[in-house]
Amino acid sequence: MPTWILAAVSLPGLYGIVRGITLWPDLPALPRLRAWLGWTQVALTVAFVAVCLVVAWPKA
């Protein structure tokens, strides 16, 4: 598998990680609905990165 495919697949996950890091300090102070959406984004990002690693990393 070409390396550029692994990079292209991981870009959304990397964006989510950066977005999650910038959002992380504000999560406890956010209103309930906004905090729930933030935690959901963090969980989905971690799940997406895990799936990318399981699927693409062994084949790279």
Protein backbone atom coordinates (compact mmCIF):
# COMPACT_ATOMS: atom_id res chain seq x y z
CA MET A 1 0.00 0.00 0.00
CA PRO A 2 1.48 3.38 -0.95
CA THR A 3 2.32 5.69 1.91
CA TRP A 4 0.25 8.54 0.45
CA ILE A 5 -2.92 6.46 0.90
CA LEU A 6 -2.13 5.99 4.59
CA ALA A 7 -1.48 9.73 4.88
CA ALA A 8 -4.74 10.61 3.09
CA VAL A 9 -6.75 8.27 5.29
CA SER A 10 -5.19 9.63 8.48
CA LEU A 11 -5.73 13.33 7.68
CA PRO A 12 -9.32 13.51 9.03
CA GLY A 13 -8.17 11.75 12.19
CA LEU A 14 -5.26 14.15 12.61
CA TYR A 15 -7.62 17.09 12.14
CA GLY A 16 -9.90 15.63 14.80
CA ILE A 17 -6.99 15.20 17.20
CA VAL A 18 -5.87 18.80 16.73
CA ARG A 19 -9.45 20.03 17.08
CA GLY A 20 -9.91 17.88 20.19
CA ILE A 21 -6.72 19.21 21.78
CA THR A 22 -7.84 22.79 21.23
CA LEU A 23 -11.30 21.97 22.60
CA TRP A 24 -10.07 19.86 25.55
CA PRO A 25 -9.47 22.67 28.12
CA ASP A 26 -12.94 24.10 27.48
CA LEU A 27 -14.92 20.85 27.78
CA PRO A 28 -15.71 21.01 31.53
CA ALA A 29 -16.79 24.67 31.29
CA LEU A 30 -19.06 24.30 28.28
CA PRO A 31 -22.86 24.08 28.55
CA ARG A 32 -24.18 20.52 28.80
CA LEU A 33 -25.18 20.08 25.15
CA ARG A 34 -21.98 21.60 23.80
CA ALA A 35 -19.83 19.54 26.19
CA TRP A 36 -21.65 16.36 25.11
CA LEU A 37 -20.93 17.17 21.47
CA GLY A 38 -17.28 17.83 22.31
CA TRP A 39 -16.86 14.52 24.14
CA THR A 40 -18.60 12.74 21.26
CA GLN A 41 -16.16 14.33 18.83
CA VAL A 42 -13.22 13.18 20.94
CA ALA A 43 -14.57 9.62 21.14
CA LEU A 44 -15.30 9.42 17.41
CA THR A 45 -11.85 10.77 16.58
CA VAL A 46 -10.14 8.17 18.76
CA ALA A 47 -12.28 5.41 17.22
CA PHE A 48 -11.53 6.63 13.69
CA VAL A 49 -7.78 6.74 14.32
CA ALA A 50 -7.90 3.24 15.85
CA VAL A 51 -9.74 1.85 12.82
CA CYS A 52 -7.26 3.54 10.45
CA LEU A 53 -4.34 2.03 12.35
CA VAL A 54 -5.86 -1.45 12.40
CA VAL A 55 -6.77 -1.40 8.70
CA ALA A 56 -3.95 0.54 7.07
CA TRP A 57 -0.86 0.22 9.27
CA PRO A 58 -0.15 -3.52 8.81
CA LYS A 59 -0.43 -3.15 5.03
CA ALA A 60 1.80 -0.08 4.75
